[in-house]
Amino acid sequence: MFVKETGGPVDALWPLVSGVAVLMGRQSNRKDTRMKSVTMYRANVRKLKRHPNAIRADRAAQALAYYRVAALREPGVSVDTVLSDFLSDLRHFCDRVHLHLAKLDRMAHRNYLTEKYSR
């Protein structure tokens, strides 16, 4: 998601646009009574299966894209800056709710290694 960016709030709106496209496709499945024809919409035909780690990385990219627009309100900042600000905000959150971020990070790292090297 960070490879090709529009440089504006459009990055955060793509899930909404995608959802509208799906709904429009579902509408096209309905019979048109004037022409007596049916338009078939088959969204899942030949859909490639993606590796779970690719799906996880995409989820993180979506969260950072949302954070960039919603929290920072700076659509042109680099991924490094966004990630650094997000991590510092996580530290503030952990302080507020009395969680130990280093302990959580160690658990997350173990989960990451398990997910990365499992086949």
N, C-alpha and C. Protein backbone atom coordinates (compact mmCIF):
# COMPACT_ATOMS: atom_id res chain seq x y z
N MET A 1 0.81 -1.18 0.00
CA MET A 1 0.00 0.00 0.00
C MET A 1 0.86 1.26 0.00
N PHE A 2 2.07 1.18 0.61
CA PHE A 2 2.90 2.36 0.67
C PHE A 2 3.76 2.53 -0.57
N VAL A 3 3.73 1.56 -1.48
CA VAL A 3 4.54 1.68 -2.68
C VAL A 3 3.95 2.71 -3.62
N LYS A 4 2.65 2.60 -3.86
CA LYS A 4 1.97 3.54 -4.74
C LYS A 4 0.97 4.31 -3.91
N GLU A 5 1.19 5.60 -3.75
CA GLU A 5 0.30 6.41 -2.95
C GLU A 5 -0.19 7.59 -3.76
N THR A 6 -1.36 8.06 -3.43
CA THR A 6 -1.90 9.21 -4.11
C THR A 6 -1.49 10.50 -3.43
N GLY A 7 -1.00 10.39 -2.19
CA GLY A 7 -0.58 11.57 -1.47
C GLY A 7 -1.73 12.32 -0.83
N GLY A 8 -2.84 11.70 -0.62
CA GLY A 8 -3.98 12.37 -0.02
C GLY A 8 -4.85 11.40 0.75
N PRO A 9 -6.04 11.87 1.13
CA PRO A 9 -6.92 11.02 1.92
C PRO A 9 -7.52 9.87 1.14
N VAL A 10 -7.22 9.79 -0.14
CA VAL A 10 -7.74 8.71 -0.96
C VAL A 10 -7.21 7.36 -0.46
N ASP A 11 -5.99 7.33 0.07
CA ASP A 11 -5.41 6.09 0.59
C ASP A 11 -6.31 5.47 1.66
N ALA A 12 -6.92 6.29 2.48
CA ALA A 12 -7.77 5.77 3.56
C ALA A 12 -9.16 5.39 3.07
N LEU A 13 -9.55 5.88 1.90
CA LEU A 13 -10.90 5.63 1.41
C LEU A 13 -11.02 4.40 0.54
N TRP A 14 -9.91 3.77 0.16
CA TRP A 14 -10.02 2.66 -0.78
C TRP A 14 -10.84 1.50 -0.25
N PRO A 15 -10.84 1.17 1.07
CA PRO A 15 -11.74 0.09 1.51
C PRO A 15 -13.21 0.43 1.29
N LEU A 16 -13.58 1.70 1.49
CA LEU A 16 -14.95 2.12 1.26
C LEU A 16 -15.31 2.00 -0.21
N VAL A 17 -14.42 2.46 -1.07
CA VAL A 17 -14.67 2.38 -2.51
C VAL A 17 -14.77 0.93 -2.94
N SER A 18 -13.94 0.07 -2.39
CA SER A 18 -13.99 -1.34 -2.72
C SER A 18 -15.32 -1.94 -2.29
N GLY A 19 -15.80 -1.57 -1.11
CA GLY A 19 -17.09 -2.08 -0.63
C GLY A 19 -18.24 -1.62 -1.51
N VAL A 20 -18.17 -0.37 -1.98
CA VAL A 20 -19.21 0.14 -2.87
C VAL A 20 -19.19 -0.63 -4.19
N ALA A 21 -18.00 -0.94 -4.68
CA ALA A 21 -17.90 -1.70 -5.93
C ALA A 21 -18.52 -3.08 -5.78
N VAL A 22 -18.31 -3.72 -4.63
CA VAL A 22 -18.91 -5.03 -4.39
C VAL A 22 -20.43 -4.92 -4.36
N LEU A 23 -20.93 -3.89 -3.68
CA LEU A 23 -22.38 -3.71 -3.63
C LEU A 23 -22.96 -3.44 -5.02
N MET A 24 -22.24 -2.67 -5.83
CA MET A 24 -22.70 -2.41 -7.20
C MET A 24 -22.71 -3.70 -8.00
N GLY A 25 -21.72 -4.55 -7.77
CA GLY A 25 -21.68 -5.82 -8.46
C GLY A 25 -22.84 -6.71 -8.07
N ARG A 26 -23.20 -6.67 -6.79
CA ARG A 26 -24.35 -7.47 -6.34
C ARG A 26 -25.64 -6.97 -6.96
N GLN A 27 -25.71 -5.67 -7.15
CA GLN A 27 -26.89 -5.12 -7.80
C GLN A 27 -26.98 -5.59 -9.25
N SER A 28 -25.82 -5.79 -9.88
CA SER A 28 -25.84 -6.20 -11.28
C SER A 28 -26.27 -7.66 -11.44
N ASN A 29 -26.32 -8.44 -10.35
CA ASN A 29 -26.79 -9.82 -10.42
C ASN A 29 -28.30 -9.91 -10.56
N ARG A 30 -28.99 -8.87 -10.25
CA ARG A 30 -30.45 -8.89 -10.30
C ARG A 30 -30.93 -8.85 -11.73
N LYS A 31 -32.08 -9.44 -11.96
CA LYS A 31 -32.64 -9.48 -13.31
C LYS A 31 -33.15 -8.11 -13.71
N ASP A 32 -32.87 -7.77 -14.93
CA ASP A 32 -33.39 -6.53 -15.49
C ASP A 32 -34.71 -6.88 -16.18
N THR A 33 -35.80 -6.38 -15.65
CA THR A 33 -37.12 -6.77 -16.15
C THR A 33 -37.41 -6.16 -17.52
N ARG A 34 -36.77 -5.09 -17.87
CA ARG A 34 -37.03 -4.48 -19.16
C ARG A 34 -36.41 -5.27 -20.30
N MET A 35 -35.20 -5.79 -20.10
CA MET A 35 -34.51 -6.46 -21.19
C MET A 35 -34.56 -7.98 -21.07
N LYS A 36 -35.11 -8.50 -19.97
CA LYS A 36 -35.19 -9.94 -19.76
C LYS A 36 -33.82 -10.60 -19.85
N SER A 37 -32.83 -9.99 -19.21
CA SER A 37 -31.48 -10.55 -19.22
C SER A 37 -30.92 -10.57 -17.80
N VAL A 38 -29.89 -11.36 -17.62
CA VAL A 38 -29.24 -11.47 -16.33
C VAL A 38 -27.75 -11.20 -16.51
N THR A 39 -27.20 -10.36 -15.66
CA THR A 39 -25.77 -10.10 -15.67
C THR A 39 -25.16 -10.89 -14.53
N MET A 40 -24.21 -11.74 -14.85
CA MET A 40 -23.59 -12.56 -13.82
C MET A 40 -22.34 -11.86 -13.29
N TYR A 41 -22.21 -11.85 -11.98
CA TYR A 41 -21.05 -11.26 -11.33
C TYR A 41 -20.40 -12.35 -10.50
N ARG A 42 -19.18 -12.71 -10.83
CA ARG A 42 -18.47 -13.77 -10.13
C ARG A 42 -17.15 -13.22 -9.61
N ALA A 43 -17.20 -12.67 -8.40
CA ALA A 43 -16.03 -11.99 -7.84
C ALA A 43 -14.92 -12.95 -7.45
N ASN A 44 -15.24 -14.16 -7.07
CA ASN A 44 -14.23 -15.07 -6.53
C ASN A 44 -13.65 -16.03 -7.57
N VAL A 45 -13.93 -15.82 -8.82
CA VAL A 45 -13.41 -16.71 -9.84
C VAL A 45 -11.91 -16.48 -10.01
N ARG A 46 -11.16 -17.58 -9.96
CA ARG A 46 -9.70 -17.55 -10.14
C ARG A 46 -9.00 -16.61 -9.16
N LYS A 47 -9.50 -16.54 -7.97
CA LYS A 47 -8.85 -15.71 -6.97
C LYS A 47 -7.64 -16.46 -6.44
N LEU A 48 -6.50 -15.83 -6.47
CA LEU A 48 -5.27 -16.46 -6.01
C LEU A 48 -5.27 -16.55 -4.49
N LYS A 49 -4.84 -17.68 -3.98
CA LYS A 49 -4.70 -17.81 -2.54
C LYS A 49 -3.41 -17.12 -2.13
N ARG A 50 -3.52 -16.31 -1.09
CA ARG A 50 -2.36 -15.57 -0.62
C ARG A 50 -1.85 -16.21 0.66
N HIS A 51 -0.57 -16.07 0.86
CA HIS A 51 0.06 -16.59 2.07
C HIS A 51 -0.44 -15.78 3.26
N PRO A 52 -0.69 -16.45 4.39
CA PRO A 52 -1.19 -15.72 5.58
C PRO A 52 -0.28 -14.58 6.01
N ASN A 53 1.03 -14.71 5.83
CA ASN A 53 1.92 -13.62 6.23
C ASN A 53 1.75 -12.40 5.33
N ALA A 54 1.42 -12.61 4.06
CA ALA A 54 1.15 -11.49 3.17
C ALA A 54 -0.13 -10.78 3.61
N ILE A 55 -1.12 -11.55 4.04
CA ILE A 55 -2.36 -10.96 4.53
C ILE A 55 -2.10 -10.16 5.80
N ARG A 56 -1.27 -10.68 6.68
CA ARG A 56 -0.93 -9.97 7.92
C ARG A 56 -0.20 -8.66 7.62
N ALA A 57 0.74 -8.70 6.67
CA ALA A 57 1.47 -7.49 6.30
C ALA A 57 0.53 -6.46 5.69
N ASP A 58 -0.41 -6.91 4.88
CA ASP A 58 -1.38 -5.98 4.30
C ASP A 58 -2.26 -5.34 5.37
N ARG A 59 -2.63 -6.13 6.38
CA ARG A 59 -3.42 -5.59 7.48
C ARG A 59 -2.66 -4.47 8.20
N ALA A 60 -1.37 -4.68 8.44
CA ALA A 60 -0.55 -3.66 9.10
C ALA A 60 -0.41 -2.42 8.22
N ALA A 61 -0.25 -2.64 6.91
CA ALA A 61 -0.15 -1.50 5.99
C ALA A 61 -1.44 -0.69 5.98
N GLN A 62 -2.58 -1.36 6.03
CA GLN A 62 -3.86 -0.65 6.07
C GLN A 62 -3.99 0.16 7.36
N ALA A 63 -3.59 -0.43 8.46
CA ALA A 63 -3.66 0.28 9.74
C ALA A 63 -2.76 1.51 9.73
N LEU A 64 -1.57 1.38 9.19
CA LEU A 64 -0.66 2.52 9.13
C LEU A 64 -1.16 3.60 8.17
N ALA A 65 -1.77 3.18 7.08
CA ALA A 65 -2.33 4.16 6.13
C ALA A 65 -3.46 4.94 6.81
N TYR A 66 -4.29 4.24 7.55
CA TYR A 66 -5.36 4.91 8.28
C TYR A 66 -4.77 5.85 9.34
N TYR A 67 -3.75 5.38 10.06
CA TYR A 67 -3.12 6.20 11.09
C TYR A 67 -2.50 7.45 10.48
N ARG A 68 -1.89 7.29 9.31
CA ARG A 68 -1.26 8.44 8.63
C ARG A 68 -2.28 9.53 8.36
N VAL A 69 -3.45 9.16 7.88
CA VAL A 69 -4.45 10.15 7.50
C VAL A 69 -5.25 10.63 8.71
N ALA A 70 -5.68 9.70 9.55
CA ALA A 70 -6.56 10.06 10.66
C ALA A 70 -5.82 10.73 11.82
N ALA A 71 -4.67 10.22 12.18
CA ALA A 71 -3.98 10.74 13.37
C ALA A 71 -2.97 11.83 13.02
N LEU A 72 -2.14 11.56 12.03
CA LEU A 72 -1.08 12.52 11.71
C LEU A 72 -1.57 13.65 10.82
N ARG A 73 -2.54 13.35 9.99
CA ARG A 73 -3.07 14.32 9.02
C ARG A 73 -1.97 14.88 8.13
N GLU A 74 -1.01 14.01 7.81
CA GLU A 74 0.09 14.37 6.92
C GLU A 74 0.23 13.25 5.89
N PRO A 75 -0.49 13.31 4.79
CA PRO A 75 -0.49 12.20 3.84
C PRO A 75 0.85 11.97 3.14
N GLY A 76 1.74 12.92 3.17
CA GLY A 76 2.99 12.77 2.43
C GLY A 76 4.17 12.28 3.25
N VAL A 77 3.99 11.99 4.53
CA VAL A 77 5.13 11.59 5.36
C VAL A 77 5.59 10.18 5.02
N SER A 78 6.83 9.88 5.35
CA SER A 78 7.40 8.58 5.01
C SER A 78 6.87 7.49 5.93
N VAL A 79 7.04 6.25 5.50
CA VAL A 79 6.61 5.10 6.29
C VAL A 79 7.37 5.05 7.60
N ASP A 80 8.65 5.40 7.58
CA ASP A 80 9.46 5.40 8.81
C ASP A 80 8.87 6.34 9.86
N THR A 81 8.48 7.53 9.43
CA THR A 81 7.91 8.52 10.35
C THR A 81 6.58 8.03 10.90
N VAL A 82 5.74 7.49 10.03
CA VAL A 82 4.43 7.00 10.47
C VAL A 82 4.60 5.88 11.49
N LEU A 83 5.47 4.93 11.19
CA LEU A 83 5.68 3.80 12.09
C LEU A 83 6.28 4.25 13.42
N SER A 84 7.22 5.17 13.38
CA SER A 84 7.83 5.69 14.60
C SER A 84 6.81 6.40 15.47
N ASP A 85 5.98 7.24 14.86
CA ASP A 85 4.94 7.94 15.62
C ASP A 85 3.91 6.97 16.18
N PHE A 86 3.55 5.95 15.40
CA PHE A 86 2.59 4.96 15.86
C PHE A 86 3.12 4.19 17.06
N LEU A 87 4.39 3.79 16.99
CA LEU A 87 4.99 3.06 18.11
C LEU A 87 5.08 3.92 19.37
N SER A 88 5.41 5.19 19.20
CA SER A 88 5.46 6.06 20.39
C SER A 88 4.07 6.26 20.97
N ASP A 89 3.05 6.35 20.12
CA ASP A 89 1.69 6.45 20.62
C ASP A 89 1.27 5.17 21.34
N LEU A 90 1.73 4.02 20.86
CA LEU A 90 1.47 2.77 21.56
C LEU A 90 2.09 2.76 22.95
N ARG A 91 3.28 3.34 23.07
CA ARG A 91 3.93 3.43 24.38
C ARG A 91 3.08 4.28 25.34
N HIS A 92 2.56 5.40 24.82
CA HIS A 92 1.70 6.24 25.66
C HIS A 92 0.44 5.49 26.08
N PHE A 93 -0.12 4.73 25.15
CA PHE A 93 -1.31 3.95 25.47
C PHE A 93 -1.02 2.91 26.55
N CYS A 94 0.11 2.21 26.40
CA CYS A 94 0.48 1.20 27.39
C CYS A 94 0.69 1.82 28.77
N ASP A 95 1.29 3.00 28.81
CA ASP A 95 1.45 3.70 30.09
C ASP A 95 0.10 4.00 30.71
N ARG A 96 -0.85 4.43 29.90
CA ARG A 96 -2.16 4.80 30.42
C ARG A 96 -2.91 3.60 31.01
N VAL A 97 -2.82 2.45 30.33
CA VAL A 97 -3.58 1.28 30.78
C VAL A 97 -2.72 0.30 31.58
N HIS A 98 -1.52 0.72 31.93
CA HIS A 98 -0.61 -0.05 32.80
C HIS A 98 -0.23 -1.41 32.20
N LEU A 99 0.20 -1.39 30.94
CA LEU A 99 0.72 -2.59 30.28
C LEU A 99 2.22 -2.44 30.10
N HIS A 100 2.92 -3.55 30.04
CA HIS A 100 4.36 -3.56 29.87
C HIS A 100 4.67 -3.81 28.39
N LEU A 101 5.02 -2.75 27.66
CA LEU A 101 5.19 -2.85 26.21
C LEU A 101 6.34 -3.77 25.83
N ALA A 102 7.43 -3.77 26.56
CA ALA A 102 8.57 -4.63 26.21
C ALA A 102 8.17 -6.11 26.30
N LYS A 103 7.39 -6.46 27.31
CA LYS A 103 6.92 -7.84 27.45
C LYS A 103 6.01 -8.21 26.28
N LEU A 104 5.11 -7.31 25.92
CA LEU A 104 4.23 -7.55 24.79
C LEU A 104 5.01 -7.66 23.48
N ASP A 105 6.06 -6.85 23.37
CA ASP A 105 6.89 -6.91 22.17
C ASP A 105 7.63 -8.24 22.07
N ARG A 106 8.10 -8.76 23.18
CA ARG A 106 8.76 -10.08 23.17
C ARG A 106 7.78 -11.17 22.74
N MET A 107 6.54 -11.11 23.27
CA MET A 107 5.53 -12.09 22.86
C MET A 107 5.22 -11.95 21.37
N ALA A 108 5.11 -10.73 20.91
CA ALA A 108 4.82 -10.49 19.49
C ALA A 108 5.96 -11.01 18.61
N HIS A 109 7.19 -10.83 19.07
CA HIS A 109 8.34 -11.30 18.29
C HIS A 109 8.33 -12.83 18.19
N ARG A 110 8.01 -13.50 19.29
CA ARG A 110 7.90 -14.98 19.25
C ARG A 110 6.80 -15.41 18.29
N ASN A 111 5.65 -14.73 18.33
CA ASN A 111 4.56 -15.05 17.41
C ASN A 111 4.98 -14.83 15.96
N TYR A 112 5.69 -13.73 15.74
CA TYR A 112 6.17 -13.42 14.38
C TYR A 112 7.09 -14.52 13.87
N LEU A 113 8.05 -14.96 14.70
CA LEU A 113 8.97 -16.01 14.27
C LEU A 113 8.23 -17.31 13.99
N THR A 114 7.25 -17.63 14.83
CA THR A 114 6.46 -18.84 14.62
C THR A 114 5.70 -18.77 13.30
N GLU A 115 5.09 -17.62 13.04
CA GLU A 115 4.32 -17.45 11.79
C GLU A 115 5.22 -17.41 10.58
N LYS A 116 6.38 -16.81 10.73
CA LYS A 116 7.28 -16.65 9.58
C LYS A 116 7.88 -18.00 9.15
N TYR A 117 8.23 -18.84 10.11
CA TYR A 117 8.92 -20.08 9.77
C TYR A 117 8.04 -21.33 9.80
N SER A 118 6.75 -21.15 10.04
CA SER A 118 5.85 -22.32 9.97
C SER A 118 5.47 -22.58 8.53
N ARG A 119 5.34 -23.84 8.20
CA ARG A 119 4.98 -24.19 6.81
C ARG A 119 3.88 -25.16 6.79
